[in-house]
């Protein structure tokens, strides 16, 4: 498919033959596809190809996201954006998150989200879990939109590695000190995470040795190295 409307694309594909299916027939057949059909087709395609590994051990996967305008549909609240400086009539948009194998030069996974419900954290975690821990070790590279403790934890739980860019604010929260005069660093940090910041739970600064760890809902100790890159 190119940039023409569906009717013209069908005429072009079938050489304007009288047996060319109608637009309605095309849409009816397309609606029969499962939502994960093309994603599973991508997986099947990649399984047939050999992976190129760094030092015969690691595969490098880059992750990024991008918005993509689609057909205009003002009554879709999940994808429609009101008129603004970009569009005087408003527009509909989806957000595409993708995994790309750097050494193989091909896409390995993708998650498409409605533009107004985009969640790069959730997309990254979903794709990491889908890849799992089977096969060669993976190093995930991602931009600052994917930097979160949850993203780190999903990669670590699957036994993989990652290099994710952080802005100064997030890096300060992870390290515990500002980076005003720091140009580069290489250190390991240990953090205890909980869903509550209440000091009386014994999971915060008032209990640095973790004597009340059973009261913490979520606990995370790094078991694999990760690196934070300052902009």
Protein backbone atom coordinates (compact mmCIF):
# COMPACT_ATOMS: atom_id res chain seq x y z
CA UNK A 1 0.00 0.00 0.00
CA UNK A 2 1.21 3.48 -0.82
CA UNK A 3 -0.31 6.90 -0.19
CA UNK A 4 -3.49 6.61 -2.23
CA UNK A 5 -6.98 5.83 -0.93
CA UNK A 6 -7.95 2.17 -0.55
CA UNK A 7 -10.03 2.15 -3.75
CA UNK A 8 -7.14 3.43 -5.89
CA UNK A 9 -4.64 1.11 -4.20
CA UNK A 10 -6.83 -1.90 -5.02
CA UNK A 11 -7.18 -0.81 -8.65
CA UNK A 12 -3.41 -0.39 -8.88
CA UNK A 13 -2.67 -3.78 -7.29
CA UNK A 14 -5.13 -5.68 -9.51
CA UNK A 15 -4.16 -3.74 -12.67
CA UNK A 16 -7.68 -2.25 -12.82
CA UNK A 17 -9.15 -5.62 -13.64
CA UNK A 18 -12.94 -6.02 -13.50
CA UNK A 19 -12.48 -8.63 -10.76
CA UNK A 20 -10.91 -6.07 -8.41
CA UNK A 21 -12.54 -6.40 -4.97
CA UNK A 22 -14.46 -3.44 -3.68
CA UNK A 23 -13.41 -1.22 -0.80
CA UNK A 24 -16.15 -2.75 1.37
CA UNK A 25 -14.91 -6.27 0.61
CA UNK A 26 -11.35 -5.27 1.51
CA UNK A 27 -12.42 -3.76 4.84
CA UNK A 28 -14.57 -6.81 5.64
CA UNK A 29 -11.67 -9.19 5.07
CA UNK A 30 -9.29 -6.96 7.03
CA UNK A 31 -11.63 -6.98 10.03
CA UNK A 32 -11.22 -10.76 10.25
CA UNK A 33 -7.57 -10.41 11.23
CA UNK A 34 -6.75 -10.83 14.90
CA UNK A 35 -5.16 -7.78 16.50
CA UNK A 36 -1.91 -9.68 17.10
CA UNK A 37 -1.80 -11.35 13.66
CA UNK A 38 0.81 -9.10 12.06
CA UNK A 39 2.90 -9.02 15.24
CA UNK A 40 2.98 -12.82 15.29
CA UNK A 41 3.89 -12.80 11.60
CA UNK A 42 6.85 -10.58 12.46
CA UNK A 43 7.93 -13.05 15.16
CA UNK A 44 7.64 -15.97 12.74
CA UNK A 45 9.71 -14.12 10.14
CA UNK A 46 12.49 -13.30 12.62
CA UNK A 47 12.65 -16.88 13.92
CA UNK A 48 13.74 -17.99 10.44
CA UNK A 49 16.74 -15.66 10.43
CA UNK A 50 20.09 -16.07 12.15
CA UNK A 51 20.99 -13.53 14.84
CA UNK A 52 24.21 -11.56 14.58
CA UNK A 53 25.81 -11.34 18.02
CA UNK A 54 28.43 -9.03 19.47
CA UNK A 55 31.44 -11.13 20.54
CA UNK A 56 29.29 -14.17 19.72
CA UNK A 57 27.38 -13.54 22.95
CA UNK A 58 25.20 -10.40 23.03
CA UNK A 59 22.45 -9.07 20.82
CA UNK A 60 21.87 -5.31 20.80
CA UNK A 61 18.23 -4.14 20.78
CA UNK A 62 17.33 -0.46 20.46
CA UNK A 63 13.95 0.79 21.65
CA UNK A 64 12.23 4.00 20.64
CA UNK A 65 8.77 5.38 20.05
CA UNK A 66 7.18 7.73 17.55
CA UNK A 67 3.78 9.25 16.89
CA UNK A 68 2.05 8.49 13.60
CA UNK A 69 -0.96 10.36 12.22
CA UNK A 70 -3.79 8.19 10.94
CA UNK A 71 -7.13 8.82 9.23
CA UNK A 72 -9.22 11.56 10.82
CA UNK A 73 -11.92 10.32 13.18
CA UNK A 74 -13.05 13.06 15.62
CA UNK A 75 -15.36 10.73 17.57
CA UNK A 76 -12.46 8.52 18.72
CA UNK A 77 -11.39 10.01 22.10
CA UNK A 78 -8.36 7.71 22.39
CA UNK A 79 -6.63 8.96 19.24
CA UNK A 80 -8.17 12.35 18.38
CA UNK A 81 -6.33 15.57 19.26
CA UNK A 82 -8.20 18.87 19.21
CA UNK A 83 -7.21 21.62 16.76
CA UNK A 84 -3.93 23.28 17.68
CA UNK A 85 -0.88 24.84 16.08
CA UNK A 86 -0.19 21.62 14.19
CA UNK A 87 -3.65 21.19 12.71
CA UNK A 88 -6.59 23.54 12.39
CA UNK A 89 -9.06 20.62 12.02
CA UNK A 90 -7.61 18.31 14.64
CA UNK A 91 -6.01 14.96 13.94
CA UNK A 92 -5.87 11.32 15.04
CA UNK A 93 -2.62 9.72 16.11
CA UNK A 94 -1.23 6.41 17.30
CA UNK A 95 2.06 5.85 19.12
CA UNK A 96 4.40 3.13 17.84
CA UNK A 97 6.97 1.56 20.20
CA UNK A 98 9.47 -0.72 18.50
CA UNK A 99 12.43 -2.99 19.20
CA UNK A 100 15.15 -2.87 16.53
CA UNK A 101 18.07 -5.27 16.30
CA UNK A 102 21.09 -3.06 15.67
CA UNK A 103 23.40 -5.79 14.35
CA UNK A 104 20.69 -7.52 12.29
CA UNK A 105 19.18 -4.26 11.02
CA UNK A 106 15.61 -5.40 11.41
CA UNK A 107 12.65 -4.85 13.72
CA UNK A 108 11.98 -7.59 16.25
CA UNK A 109 8.85 -6.36 18.06
CA UNK A 110 6.42 -3.48 18.24
CA UNK A 111 3.54 -2.24 20.39
CA UNK A 112 1.00 0.21 18.96
CA UNK A 113 -0.94 2.40 21.39
CA UNK A 114 -3.65 5.06 20.98
CA UNK A 115 -2.06 8.50 20.89
CA UNK A 116 -3.84 9.74 24.03
CA UNK A 117 -3.10 6.54 25.94
CA UNK A 118 0.53 6.12 25.04
CA UNK A 119 2.63 4.55 27.77
CA UNK A 120 6.24 3.95 26.78
CA UNK A 121 7.05 2.34 30.14
CA UNK A 122 4.33 -0.29 29.72
CA UNK A 123 5.28 -0.90 26.08
CA UNK A 124 8.94 -1.46 26.95
CA UNK A 125 8.09 -3.86 29.78
CA UNK A 126 5.66 -5.77 27.55
CA UNK A 127 8.23 -6.24 24.79
CA UNK A 128 10.99 -7.21 27.23
CA UNK A 129 8.73 -9.84 28.81
CA UNK A 130 7.73 -11.12 25.37
CA UNK A 131 11.39 -11.57 24.45
CA UNK A 132 11.98 -13.32 27.78
CA UNK A 133 15.26 -14.89 28.83
CA UNK A 134 15.54 -17.61 26.18
CA UNK A 135 18.41 -17.30 23.73
CA UNK A 136 21.47 -15.04 23.79
CA UNK A 137 21.92 -12.27 26.33
CA UNK A 138 20.39 -8.99 25.25
CA UNK A 139 21.49 -5.41 25.87
CA UNK A 140 18.56 -2.99 25.54
CA UNK A 141 19.25 0.59 24.50
CA UNK A 142 16.51 3.17 25.08
CA UNK A 143 15.91 6.90 25.27
CA UNK A 144 14.83 8.82 28.36
CA UNK A 145 11.13 8.17 27.73
CA UNK A 146 11.68 4.56 28.84
CA UNK A 147 13.68 5.28 32.00
CA UNK A 148 11.86 3.97 35.07
CA UNK A 149 12.51 1.56 37.92
CA UNK A 150 9.87 -0.74 36.47
CA UNK A 151 11.67 -0.86 33.11
CA UNK A 152 14.92 -1.70 34.89
CA UNK A 153 13.25 -4.41 36.96
CA UNK A 154 11.64 -6.14 33.97
CA UNK A 155 14.98 -6.31 32.14
CA UNK A 156 16.76 -7.62 35.23
CA UNK A 157 14.07 -10.19 36.03
CA UNK A 158 14.55 -11.57 32.52
CA UNK A 159 18.31 -11.78 33.07
CA UNK A 160 19.13 -9.08 30.51
CA UNK A 161 21.12 -5.85 30.46
CA UNK A 162 20.25 -2.29 29.49
CA UNK A 163 21.62 1.15 28.75
CA UNK A 164 18.90 3.78 29.16
CA UNK A 165 19.37 7.53 28.93
CA UNK A 166 18.04 9.58 31.85
CA UNK A 167 17.44 13.28 32.31
CA UNK A 168 19.20 14.97 35.27
CA UNK A 169 16.05 14.90 37.44
CA UNK A 170 15.60 11.12 37.18
CA UNK A 171 19.31 10.48 37.57
CA UNK A 172 19.33 12.58 40.76
CA UNK A 173 16.46 10.51 42.13
CA UNK A 174 18.30 7.26 41.43
CA UNK A 175 21.69 8.32 42.75
CA UNK A 176 20.46 10.49 45.61
CA UNK A 177 22.52 13.55 44.72
CA UNK A 178 22.51 16.20 41.94
CA UNK A 179 24.76 16.02 38.91
CA UNK A 180 25.47 19.73 38.56
CA UNK A 181 29.25 19.33 38.51
CA UNK A 182 29.46 15.69 37.44
CA UNK A 183 30.49 15.05 33.82
CA UNK A 184 30.61 11.25 34.00
CA UNK A 185 30.34 8.50 36.58
CA UNK A 186 30.45 4.75 36.97
CA UNK A 187 28.94 3.40 40.16
CA UNK A 188 26.55 0.78 41.52
CA UNK A 189 23.53 1.81 43.58
CA UNK A 190 21.12 -0.20 45.71
CA UNK A 191 17.54 0.91 46.23
CA UNK A 192 14.59 -0.42 48.24
CA UNK A 193 11.29 0.36 46.56
CA UNK A 194 7.84 0.47 48.13
CA UNK A 195 4.44 1.81 47.11
CA UNK A 196 4.34 4.05 50.17
CA UNK A 197 6.66 6.87 51.20
CA UNK A 198 5.49 6.83 54.83
CA UNK A 199 8.50 6.79 57.14
CA UNK A 200 6.72 4.72 59.77
CA UNK A 201 6.61 1.78 57.34
CA UNK A 202 10.29 1.30 57.91
CA UNK A 203 11.10 1.26 54.20
CA UNK A 204 12.46 4.76 53.83
CA UNK A 205 15.32 6.83 55.14
CA UNK A 206 14.34 6.22 58.73
CA UNK A 207 15.21 2.55 58.27
CA UNK A 208 18.35 2.47 56.07
CA UNK A 209 19.24 -1.09 57.11
CA UNK A 210 15.88 -2.53 56.11
CA UNK A 211 14.90 -4.00 59.48
CA UNK A 212 11.24 -3.76 58.45
CA UNK A 213 11.59 -5.11 54.92
CA UNK A 214 8.64 -7.52 55.27
CA UNK A 215 6.36 -4.47 55.47
CA UNK A 216 7.48 -3.23 52.07
CA UNK A 217 5.23 -4.15 49.20
CA UNK A 218 7.87 -4.00 46.48
CA UNK A 219 11.54 -4.67 47.10
CA UNK A 220 14.20 -4.55 44.46
CA UNK A 221 17.92 -5.26 44.76
CA UNK A 222 20.00 -4.91 41.59
CA UNK A 223 21.43 -8.24 40.45
CA UNK A 224 22.67 -7.08 37.05
CA UNK A 225 24.69 -3.97 36.13
CA UNK A 226 22.94 -1.03 34.53
CA UNK A 227 24.20 2.36 33.47
CA UNK A 228 22.66 5.79 33.51
CA UNK A 229 23.80 8.21 30.85
CA UNK A 230 23.53 11.91 31.55
CA UNK A 231 22.46 14.14 28.66
